[in-house]
Amino acid sequence: YRKGMSLANTENYAAAIQIFKNVRIRLKEGHPKKAVWLNNMASNISKADSFDLALSFINEAISIDSTDNFFWGTKAEIYGRMGEKEAFFLWLEKALEKGYDFIGPAENPMEYLQEEPYVTYFNEPEFVQLRQRFETLYPKLEM
């Protein structure tokens, strides 16, 4: 898993995806980090435009733990990277309803929102509405 994440961080997605596939096969049911690892792998796989595979990973993570709002946010991000605007907003709304706060790898939500797919949709009316509706989750965001 760590080797795959390291490769993904260097944008060597093809090699990372092969490792992720092997990790997924070897992850045992009940492994305490299985859902989190599937989520992280799904996010990186989607950055390589392997969307069907990414969706299968994130759907498995959500089936293990449907309460984790980051998993729902990852699903939204995958659809956003796919250019599926309606699905992006649908899943983003679900993530926000579960408490998703946009604080991913960045400590500052505004930094995170300057990354894809958020930057693409930031000024879309649907996104403005969602930011206004859920502004209490992230009061530091400039509306």
C-alpha atoms as a PDB file:
ATOM      1  CA  TYR A   1       0.000   0.000   0.000  1.00  0.00           C
ATOM      2  CA  ARG A   2       2.688   2.509   1.016  1.00  0.00           C
ATOM      3  CA  LYS A   3       4.713   1.823  -2.110  1.00  0.00           C
ATOM      4  CA  GLY A   4       1.645   2.421  -4.284  1.00  0.00           C
ATOM      5  CA  MET A   5       0.885   5.680  -2.474  1.00  0.00           C
ATOM      6  CA  SER A   6       4.504   6.791  -2.930  1.00  0.00           C
ATOM      7  CA  LEU A   7       4.313   6.036  -6.644  1.00  0.00           C
ATOM      8  CA  ALA A   8       1.019   7.921  -6.910  1.00  0.00           C
ATOM      9  CA  ASN A   9       2.594  10.921  -5.171  1.00  0.00           C
ATOM     10  CA  THR A  10       5.202  10.997  -7.937  1.00  0.00           C
ATOM     11  CA  GLU A  11       2.377  10.687 -10.479  1.00  0.00           C
ATOM     12  CA  ASN A  12       3.522   7.228 -11.573  1.00  0.00           C
ATOM     13  CA  TYR A  13      -0.087   6.114 -11.640  1.00  0.00           C
ATOM     14  CA  ALA A  14       0.304   3.070 -13.903  1.00  0.00           C
ATOM     15  CA  ALA A  15       2.702   1.380 -11.466  1.00  0.00           C
ATOM     16  CA  ALA A  16       0.643   2.546  -8.477  1.00  0.00           C
ATOM     17  CA  ILE A  17      -2.547   1.070  -9.936  1.00  0.00           C
ATOM     18  CA  GLN A  18      -0.918  -2.357 -10.328  1.00  0.00           C
ATOM     19  CA  ILE A  19       0.139  -2.279  -6.682  1.00  0.00           C
ATOM     20  CA  PHE A  20      -3.309  -1.075  -5.598  1.00  0.00           C
ATOM     21  CA  LYS A  21      -4.984  -3.953  -7.441  1.00  0.00           C
ATOM     22  CA  ASN A  22      -2.733  -6.430  -5.616  1.00  0.00           C
ATOM     23  CA  VAL A  23      -3.329  -4.742  -2.267  1.00  0.00           C
ATOM     24  CA  ARG A  24      -7.085  -4.892  -2.819  1.00  0.00           C
ATOM     25  CA  ILE A  25      -6.935  -8.628  -3.502  1.00  0.00           C
ATOM     26  CA  ARG A  26      -4.856  -9.264  -0.382  1.00  0.00           C
ATOM     27  CA  LEU A  27      -6.822  -7.046   2.002  1.00  0.00           C
ATOM     28  CA  LYS A  28      -8.738  -9.322   4.301  1.00  0.00           C
ATOM     29  CA  GLU A  29     -12.307  -8.742   5.407  1.00  0.00           C
ATOM     30  CA  GLY A  30     -12.316  -6.942   8.710  1.00  0.00           C
ATOM     31  CA  HIS A  31      -8.900  -5.342   8.213  1.00  0.00           C
ATOM     32  CA  PRO A  32      -9.148  -2.171  10.328  1.00  0.00           C
ATOM     33  CA  LYS A  33      -7.844   0.103   7.555  1.00  0.00           C
ATOM     34  CA  LYS A  34      -9.455  -1.599   4.570  1.00  0.00           C
ATOM     35  CA  ALA A  35     -12.079   1.073   3.874  1.00  0.00           C
ATOM     36  CA  VAL A  36      -9.624   3.957   4.383  1.00  0.00           C
ATOM     37  CA  TRP A  37      -7.054   2.344   2.124  1.00  0.00           C
ATOM     38  CA  LEU A  38      -9.682   1.657  -0.562  1.00  0.00           C
ATOM     39  CA  ASN A  39     -10.735   5.310  -0.364  1.00  0.00           C
ATOM     40  CA  ASN A  40      -7.161   6.579  -0.709  1.00  0.00           C
ATOM     41  CA  MET A  41      -6.430   4.210  -3.568  1.00  0.00           C
ATOM     42  CA  ALA A  42      -9.677   5.200  -5.339  1.00  0.00           C
ATOM     43  CA  SER A  43      -8.722   8.856  -5.185  1.00  0.00           C
ATOM     44  CA  ASN A  44      -5.307   8.223  -6.728  1.00  0.00           C
ATOM     45  CA  ILE A  45      -6.670   5.845  -9.351  1.00  0.00           C
ATOM     46  CA  SER A  46      -9.110   8.515 -10.502  1.00  0.00           C
ATOM     47  CA  LYS A  47      -6.223  10.933 -11.020  1.00  0.00           C
ATOM     48  CA  ALA A  48      -4.999   8.480 -13.665  1.00  0.00           C
ATOM     49  CA  ASP A  49      -8.393   8.658 -15.404  1.00  0.00           C
ATOM     50  CA  SER A  50      -9.155   5.015 -14.535  1.00  0.00           C
ATOM     51  CA  PHE A  51     -12.629   5.966 -13.449  1.00  0.00           C
ATOM     52  CA  ASP A  52     -14.410   2.604 -13.519  1.00  0.00           C
ATOM     53  CA  LEU A  53     -11.713   1.073 -11.348  1.00  0.00           C
ATOM     54  CA  ALA A  54     -11.736   4.079  -9.006  1.00  0.00           C
ATOM     55  CA  LEU A  55     -15.515   3.839  -8.629  1.00  0.00           C
ATOM     56  CA  SER A  56     -15.294   0.132  -7.830  1.00  0.00           C
ATOM     57  CA  PHE A  57     -12.750   0.866  -5.077  1.00  0.00           C
ATOM     58  CA  ILE A  58     -14.758   3.725  -3.557  1.00  0.00           C
ATOM     59  CA  ASN A  59     -18.027   1.816  -3.746  1.00  0.00           C
ATOM     60  CA  GLU A  60     -16.394  -1.024  -1.837  1.00  0.00           C
ATOM     61  CA  ALA A  61     -15.110   1.436   0.784  1.00  0.00           C
ATOM     62  CA  ILE A  62     -18.596   2.920   1.180  1.00  0.00           C
ATOM     63  CA  SER A  63     -20.111  -0.555   1.476  1.00  0.00           C
ATOM     64  CA  ILE A  64     -17.743  -1.216   4.393  1.00  0.00           C
ATOM     65  CA  ASP A  65     -18.359   2.121   6.121  1.00  0.00           C
ATOM     66  CA  SER A  66     -21.120   4.347   4.784  1.00  0.00           C
ATOM     67  CA  THR A  67     -20.738   6.812   7.657  1.00  0.00           C
ATOM     68  CA  ASP A  68     -17.329   8.188   6.650  1.00  0.00           C
ATOM     69  CA  ASN A  69     -17.963  11.502   4.918  1.00  0.00           C
ATOM     70  CA  PHE A  70     -14.545  11.495   3.237  1.00  0.00           C
ATOM     71  CA  PHE A  71     -15.530   8.415   1.235  1.00  0.00           C
ATOM     72  CA  TRP A  72     -18.575  10.255  -0.110  1.00  0.00           C
ATOM     73  CA  GLY A  73     -16.356  13.250  -0.885  1.00  0.00           C
ATOM     74  CA  THR A  74     -13.964  10.997  -2.783  1.00  0.00           C
ATOM     75  CA  LYS A  75     -16.875   9.631  -4.806  1.00  0.00           C
ATOM     76  CA  ALA A  76     -17.884  13.199  -5.680  1.00  0.00           C
ATOM     77  CA  GLU A  77     -14.294  13.985  -6.681  1.00  0.00           C
ATOM     78  CA  ILE A  78     -14.161  10.957  -8.973  1.00  0.00           C
ATOM     79  CA  TYR A  79     -17.308  12.079 -10.759  1.00  0.00           C
ATOM     80  CA  GLY A  80     -15.919  15.605 -10.927  1.00  0.00           C
ATOM     81  CA  ARG A  81     -12.722  14.366 -12.579  1.00  0.00           C
ATOM     82  CA  MET A  82     -14.891  12.422 -15.017  1.00  0.00           C
ATOM     83  CA  GLY A  83     -16.638  15.651 -15.991  1.00  0.00           C
ATOM     84  CA  GLU A  84     -19.951  14.280 -14.691  1.00  0.00           C
ATOM     85  CA  LYS A  85     -21.198  17.563 -13.277  1.00  0.00           C
ATOM     86  CA  GLU A  86     -24.614  16.384 -12.055  1.00  0.00           C
ATOM     87  CA  ALA A  87     -23.161  13.310 -10.332  1.00  0.00           C
ATOM     88  CA  PHE A  88     -20.387  15.455  -8.824  1.00  0.00           C
ATOM     89  CA  PHE A  89     -22.905  17.791  -7.198  1.00  0.00           C
ATOM     90  CA  LEU A  90     -25.194  14.936  -6.129  1.00  0.00           C
ATOM     91  CA  TRP A  91     -22.406  13.097  -4.283  1.00  0.00           C
ATOM     92  CA  LEU A  92     -20.859  16.300  -2.970  1.00  0.00           C
ATOM     93  CA  GLU A  93     -24.204  17.240  -1.424  1.00  0.00           C
ATOM     94  CA  LYS A  94     -24.427  13.792   0.189  1.00  0.00           C
ATOM     95  CA  ALA A  95     -20.883  14.187   1.526  1.00  0.00           C
ATOM     96  CA  LEU A  96     -21.666  17.632   2.938  1.00  0.00           C
ATOM     97  CA  GLU A  97     -24.825  16.284   4.575  1.00  0.00           C
ATOM     98  CA  LYS A  98     -22.610  13.720   6.316  1.00  0.00           C
ATOM     99  CA  GLY A  99     -20.221  16.443   7.521  1.00  0.00           C
ATOM    100  CA  TYR A 100     -17.604  16.598   4.741  1.00  0.00           C
ATOM    101  CA  ASP A 101     -15.593  19.788   5.202  1.00  0.00           C
ATOM    102  CA  PHE A 102     -13.193  19.878   2.218  1.00  0.00           C
ATOM    103  CA  ILE A 103     -10.176  19.526   4.461  1.00  0.00           C
ATOM    104  CA  GLY A 104      -8.295  16.822   2.656  1.00  0.00           C
ATOM    105  CA  PRO A 105      -4.524  16.731   2.355  1.00  0.00           C
ATOM    106  CA  ALA A 106      -4.397  20.513   2.791  1.00  0.00           C
ATOM    107  CA  GLU A 107      -4.962  21.956   6.237  1.00  0.00           C
ATOM    108  CA  ASN A 108      -6.776  24.913   4.698  1.00  0.00           C
ATOM    109  CA  PRO A 109     -10.037  24.213   2.862  1.00  0.00           C
ATOM    110  CA  MET A 110      -9.402  27.055   0.396  1.00  0.00           C
ATOM    111  CA  GLU A 111      -6.144  25.387  -0.684  1.00  0.00           C
ATOM    112  CA  TYR A 112      -7.985  22.125  -1.233  1.00  0.00           C
ATOM    113  CA  LEU A 113     -10.720  23.847  -3.232  1.00  0.00           C
ATOM    114  CA  GLN A 114      -8.092  25.200  -5.617  1.00  0.00           C
ATOM    115  CA  GLU A 115      -7.371  21.643  -6.747  1.00  0.00           C
ATOM    116  CA  GLU A 116      -9.272  19.537  -9.257  1.00  0.00           C
ATOM    117  CA  PRO A 117     -12.099  18.885  -9.521  1.00  0.00           C
ATOM    118  CA  TYR A 118     -13.232  21.677  -7.174  1.00  0.00           C
ATOM    119  CA  VAL A 119     -11.524  24.504  -9.033  1.00  0.00           C
ATOM    120  CA  THR A 120     -13.424  23.547 -12.189  1.00  0.00           C
ATOM    121  CA  TYR A 121     -16.805  23.837 -10.495  1.00  0.00           C
ATOM    122  CA  PHE A 122     -16.088  26.478  -7.837  1.00  0.00           C
ATOM    123  CA  ASN A 123     -18.117  29.282  -9.450  1.00  0.00           C
ATOM    124  CA  GLU A 124     -20.903  27.101 -10.824  1.00  0.00           C
ATOM    125  CA  PRO A 125     -24.306  28.117  -9.399  1.00  0.00           C
ATOM    126  CA  GLU A 126     -24.774  24.637  -7.904  1.00  0.00           C
ATOM    127  CA  PHE A 127     -21.496  24.883  -6.022  1.00  0.00           C
ATOM    128  CA  VAL A 128     -22.216  28.407  -4.812  1.00  0.00           C
ATOM    129  CA  GLN A 129     -25.568  27.150  -3.467  1.00  0.00           C
ATOM    130  CA  LEU A 130     -23.927  24.211  -1.700  1.00  0.00           C
ATOM    131  CA  ARG A 131     -21.241  26.430  -0.167  1.00  0.00           C
ATOM    132  CA  GLN A 132     -23.915  28.814   1.096  1.00  0.00           C
ATOM    133  CA  ARG A 133     -26.106  26.001   2.390  1.00  0.00           C
ATOM    134  CA  PHE A 134     -23.262  24.373   4.299  1.00  0.00           C
ATOM    135  CA  GLU A 135     -21.207  27.434   5.212  1.00  0.00           C
ATOM    136  CA  THR A 136     -21.304  26.564   8.912  1.00  0.00           C
ATOM    137  CA  LEU A 137     -19.066  23.572   8.154  1.00  0.00           C
ATOM    138  CA  TYR A 138     -16.321  25.789   6.812  1.00  0.00           C
ATOM    139  CA  PRO A 139     -16.702  29.388   7.982  1.00  0.00           C
ATOM    140  CA  LYS A 140     -13.244  30.331   6.690  1.00  0.00           C
ATOM    141  CA  LEU A 141     -14.220  29.861   3.045  1.00  0.00           C
ATOM    142  CA  GLU A 142     -14.579  33.040   1.095  1.00  0.00           C
ATOM    143  CA  MET A 143     -18.035  33.091  -0.376  1.00  0.00           C
END
